[in-house]
Protein backbone atom coordinates (compact mmCIF):
# COMPACT_ATOMS: atom_id res chain seq x y z
CA MET A 1 62.11 -30.65 -48.37
CA LEU A 2 61.30 -30.20 -51.98
CA LYS A 3 64.20 -29.90 -54.49
CA LYS A 4 64.86 -30.23 -58.21
CA VAL A 5 66.58 -33.46 -59.23
CA LYS A 6 67.89 -34.92 -62.43
CA PRO A 7 66.51 -38.23 -63.68
CA GLN A 8 68.22 -40.90 -61.78
CA LEU A 9 68.05 -44.53 -60.65
CA ARG A 10 66.93 -45.40 -57.16
CA GLU A 11 67.47 -48.84 -55.69
CA GLN A 12 64.42 -50.33 -53.99
CA SER A 13 63.26 -53.85 -53.21
CA GLY A 14 65.69 -55.44 -55.69
CA LEU A 15 64.70 -52.96 -58.38
CA LEU A 16 66.36 -49.84 -59.63
CA ILE A 17 63.48 -47.28 -60.10
CA GLU A 18 64.15 -44.73 -62.76
CA ASN A 19 62.73 -41.27 -62.02
CA ASN A 20 61.61 -39.85 -65.37
CA HIS A 21 59.57 -37.03 -63.91
CA SER A 22 60.82 -33.43 -64.03
CA GLY A 23 59.90 -30.90 -61.39
CA ASN A 24 59.56 -31.13 -57.63
CA ILE A 25 60.31 -34.46 -55.94
CA ASP A 26 59.30 -35.11 -52.30
CA MET A 27 62.47 -36.42 -50.64
CA ASN A 28 60.70 -36.89 -47.27
CA ILE A 29 59.51 -40.42 -48.01
CA VAL A 30 57.79 -41.93 -45.00
CA ALA A 31 59.67 -44.58 -43.07
CA LYS A 32 59.31 -47.98 -44.63
CA SER A 33 58.61 -49.57 -41.30
CA ASP A 34 55.39 -47.50 -40.94
CA PHE A 35 53.81 -49.35 -43.90
CA ASN A 36 53.08 -52.85 -42.46
CA PHE A 37 49.79 -54.49 -43.12
CA GLN A 38 49.12 -57.71 -41.15
CA GLY A 39 52.80 -58.57 -41.27
CA ASN A 40 53.40 -57.62 -44.77
CA ALA A 41 55.95 -54.87 -45.18
CA LEU A 42 54.90 -52.55 -48.02
CA VAL A 43 57.66 -50.36 -49.47
CA PRO A 44 56.67 -46.90 -50.85
CA VAL A 45 58.20 -46.20 -54.24
CA SER A 46 61.21 -43.73 -54.08
CA GLY A 47 61.62 -40.80 -56.38
CA ILE A 48 57.88 -40.00 -56.68
CA SER A 49 56.13 -37.20 -54.79
CA GLY A 50 53.75 -38.67 -52.24
CA VAL A 51 53.13 -42.31 -51.27
CA TRP A 52 52.96 -44.86 -54.06
CA LEU A 53 52.79 -48.69 -53.80
CA THR A 54 53.70 -51.24 -56.50
CA SER A 55 51.18 -53.72 -57.85
CA ALA A 56 53.30 -56.50 -56.33
CA ASP A 57 53.09 -54.95 -52.83
CA ILE A 58 49.28 -54.48 -53.06
CA ALA A 59 48.84 -57.98 -54.33
CA LYS A 60 50.79 -59.32 -51.34
CA ALA A 61 48.68 -57.28 -48.93
CA LEU A 62 45.48 -58.40 -50.57
CA GLN A 63 46.64 -62.10 -50.39
CA TYR A 64 46.78 -62.54 -54.25
CA LYS A 65 49.32 -64.90 -55.59
CA SER A 66 50.86 -62.38 -58.04
CA ALA A 67 50.75 -58.79 -59.28
CA LYS A 68 48.83 -60.01 -62.30
CA SER A 69 45.68 -60.08 -60.27
CA ILE A 70 46.00 -56.40 -59.50
CA THR A 71 46.68 -55.75 -63.20
CA ASN A 72 43.55 -57.61 -64.13
CA LEU A 73 41.43 -55.65 -61.58
CA PHE A 74 42.84 -52.42 -62.99
CA ASN A 75 42.36 -53.35 -66.64
CA GLN A 76 38.69 -54.28 -65.94
CA ASN A 77 38.04 -50.90 -64.22
CA SER A 78 40.59 -48.59 -65.73
CA ASP A 79 37.95 -45.98 -66.40
CA GLU A 80 37.50 -45.44 -62.73
CA PHE A 81 41.05 -44.33 -62.09
CA THR A 82 42.55 -40.85 -62.50
CA GLY A 83 46.12 -39.95 -63.29
CA GLY A 84 46.65 -39.18 -59.62
CA MET A 85 45.71 -42.71 -58.65
CA THR A 86 47.98 -44.80 -60.76
CA GLN A 87 50.91 -44.49 -63.23
CA VAL A 88 53.43 -46.64 -64.98
CA ILE A 89 57.10 -46.31 -64.16
CA GLU A 90 60.14 -47.98 -65.68
CA SER A 91 62.27 -50.30 -63.47
CA VAL A 92 65.58 -51.90 -63.97
CA THR A 93 66.34 -55.20 -62.32
CA SER A 94 69.78 -56.19 -61.00
CA GLY A 95 70.39 -57.93 -64.44
CA ASN A 96 69.97 -54.59 -66.27
CA TYR A 97 66.59 -55.70 -67.65
CA ARG A 98 64.10 -52.85 -68.09
CA LYS A 99 60.38 -53.33 -67.57
CA LYS A 100 57.29 -51.34 -66.85
CA VAL A 101 55.75 -51.35 -63.44
CA ARG A 102 52.36 -50.03 -62.44
CA VAL A 103 52.20 -48.22 -59.18
CA PHE A 104 49.15 -46.80 -57.21
CA SER A 105 48.80 -43.89 -54.90
CA LEU A 106 47.08 -44.42 -51.51
CA ARG A 107 43.75 -43.41 -53.15
CA GLY A 108 44.45 -45.76 -56.06
CA ALA A 109 45.29 -48.58 -53.72
CA HIS A 110 42.04 -48.03 -51.85
CA LEU A 111 39.99 -48.13 -55.12
CA ILE A 112 41.81 -51.34 -56.26
CA ALA A 113 40.84 -52.87 -52.91
CA MET A 114 37.15 -51.92 -53.59
CA PHE A 115 37.21 -54.29 -56.54
CA ALA A 116 39.08 -57.02 -54.65
CA ARG A 117 37.17 -60.03 -53.20
CA THR A 118 39.78 -61.49 -50.95
CA ASP A 119 39.08 -61.99 -47.21
CA VAL A 120 41.41 -59.15 -46.19
CA ALA A 121 40.16 -56.60 -48.75
CA LYS A 122 37.94 -54.81 -46.26
CA GLU A 123 40.65 -54.49 -43.65
CA PHE A 124 43.10 -53.38 -46.19
CA ARG A 125 40.77 -50.54 -47.33
CA ARG A 126 40.52 -49.40 -43.68
CA TRP A 127 44.28 -49.55 -43.26
CA VAL A 128 44.78 -47.46 -46.35
CA LEU A 129 42.32 -44.79 -45.23
CA ASP A 130 44.10 -44.64 -41.84
CA ILE A 131 47.42 -44.18 -43.62
CA LEU A 132 45.83 -41.58 -45.96
CA ASP A 133 44.39 -39.65 -42.92
CA ARG A 134 47.85 -39.58 -41.37
CA GLU A 135 49.59 -38.45 -44.52
CA ILE A 136 47.00 -35.63 -44.94
CA GLY A 137 47.70 -34.60 -41.34
CA SER A 138 51.46 -34.46 -41.94
CA GLY A 139 51.11 -32.57 -45.18
CA VAL A 140 52.36 -35.37 -47.41
CA VAL A 141 49.03 -35.73 -49.18
CA SER A 142 46.72 -32.88 -50.34
CA PRO A 143 43.47 -32.86 -48.34
CA SER A 144 41.48 -31.78 -51.39
CA PHE A 145 38.19 -33.67 -51.74
CA ASP A 146 38.48 -36.56 -54.18
CA PHE A 147 35.16 -36.42 -56.03
CA HIS A 148 36.18 -39.22 -58.48
CA MET A 149 36.90 -41.68 -55.62
CA HIS A 150 33.73 -40.78 -53.66
CA ALA A 151 31.60 -40.93 -56.78
CA HIS A 152 32.88 -44.45 -57.24
CA HIS A 153 32.08 -45.38 -53.62
CA ALA A 154 28.53 -43.94 -53.98
CA ASN A 155 28.10 -46.09 -57.08
CA VAL A 156 29.18 -49.21 -55.11
CA VAL A 157 26.59 -48.32 -52.45
CA CYS A 158 23.83 -48.03 -55.10
CA ILE A 159 24.77 -51.48 -56.48
CA HIS A 160 24.58 -52.91 -52.99
CA MET A 161 21.24 -51.20 -52.39
CA ASP A 162 19.86 -52.64 -55.70
CA PHE A 163 20.72 -56.12 -54.53
CA ILE A 164 19.23 -55.58 -51.12
CA ARG A 165 15.95 -54.20 -52.61
CA GLU A 166 15.67 -57.19 -55.04
CA VAL A 167 16.10 -59.60 -52.18
CA TRP A 168 13.66 -57.61 -50.06
CA ILE A 169 10.92 -57.36 -52.73
CA ASN A 170 11.17 -60.91 -54.05
CA GLU A 171 11.90 -62.88 -50.89
CA LEU A 172 12.01 -61.16 -47.45
CA HIS A 173 8.96 -58.88 -47.76
CA PRO A 174 6.55 -61.66 -48.91
CA ALA A 175 7.81 -63.92 -46.21
CA LEU A 176 7.44 -61.39 -43.42
CA LYS A 177 4.04 -60.31 -44.75
CA ALA A 178 2.85 -63.87 -44.70
CA ILE A 179 3.56 -64.31 -41.05
CA GLY A 180 2.13 -60.90 -40.16
CA SER A 181 5.38 -59.32 -39.01
CA PRO A 182 5.39 -55.48 -38.54
CA LEU A 183 8.77 -55.41 -40.21
CA ALA A 184 7.13 -55.96 -43.51
CA VAL A 185 5.90 -52.34 -43.36
CA LYS A 186 8.67 -50.73 -41.28
CA LEU A 187 11.56 -51.97 -43.50
CA TYR A 188 9.79 -51.38 -46.76
CA ASP A 189 9.81 -47.62 -46.25
CA ARG A 190 13.37 -47.50 -44.87
CA ILE A 191 14.91 -49.51 -47.66
CA GLY A 192 13.15 -47.40 -50.15
CA ASP A 193 14.39 -44.15 -48.53
CA ALA A 194 17.86 -45.38 -48.26
CA SER A 195 17.95 -46.30 -52.02
CA ALA A 196 16.67 -42.87 -52.91
CA ILE A 197 19.30 -41.14 -50.76
CA ALA A 198 22.11 -43.27 -52.19
CA TYR A 199 21.09 -42.46 -55.75
CA SER A 200 20.80 -38.75 -55.02
CA LEU A 201 24.26 -38.69 -53.47
CA ARG A 202 25.69 -40.57 -56.40
CA GLY A 203 24.12 -38.16 -58.86
CA ALA A 204 25.48 -35.13 -57.01
CA LEU A 205 29.00 -36.66 -56.82
CA TYR A 206 28.90 -37.61 -60.53
CA ARG A 207 27.97 -34.03 -61.53
CA ALA A 208 30.74 -32.65 -59.31
CA ASP A 209 33.27 -35.12 -60.71
CA GLY A 210 32.34 -34.05 -64.23
CA ARG A 211 32.67 -30.34 -63.39
CA LYS A 212 36.17 -31.00 -62.11
CA ASP A 213 37.07 -32.92 -65.23
CA LEU A 214 38.78 -35.85 -63.36
CA HIS A 215 38.11 -38.39 -65.99
């Protein structure tokens, strides 16, 4: 159910979250017990339409010691995020101390995990995508194609392909050629084709992203 609400304080995880947003608020927040990643209970922020997670919860899931690590990842890559991926809300602690808290949507959490280098980052990305698919199916999240997110993913693929090609050209190809392996020829063409396709996809997504003015 969607309804108009006045700005109010909502208690959550030891914090009082102040809703400063006017307009429609989704009151059908998904059950907290549904958001459990490897034994870590993640609590969606109340009072915001859709599913949003705090930096502290994401840090916990990614096995960082504090939310500061998530803040650093965001600050280093802030140009990759849209307004629909992250925002800052004001929270009030039990001692009536006000502070700013950065929160991330599911797409924003997935993008943060793309930059993370912890052992569980890959599994967390898969988990977020599973949750996102479920929310789209239930109508909580809009199924619109996120050009910005996929353009970033394509760019990551291109970076990986550049590394693979460099290793191939400078190390693997000469070694395979020296021992007369047929892979020296077979892989040469395939790696080149894969790189070309990756760059083509990235270019198309970048152009589409620009047309939708998501920056």
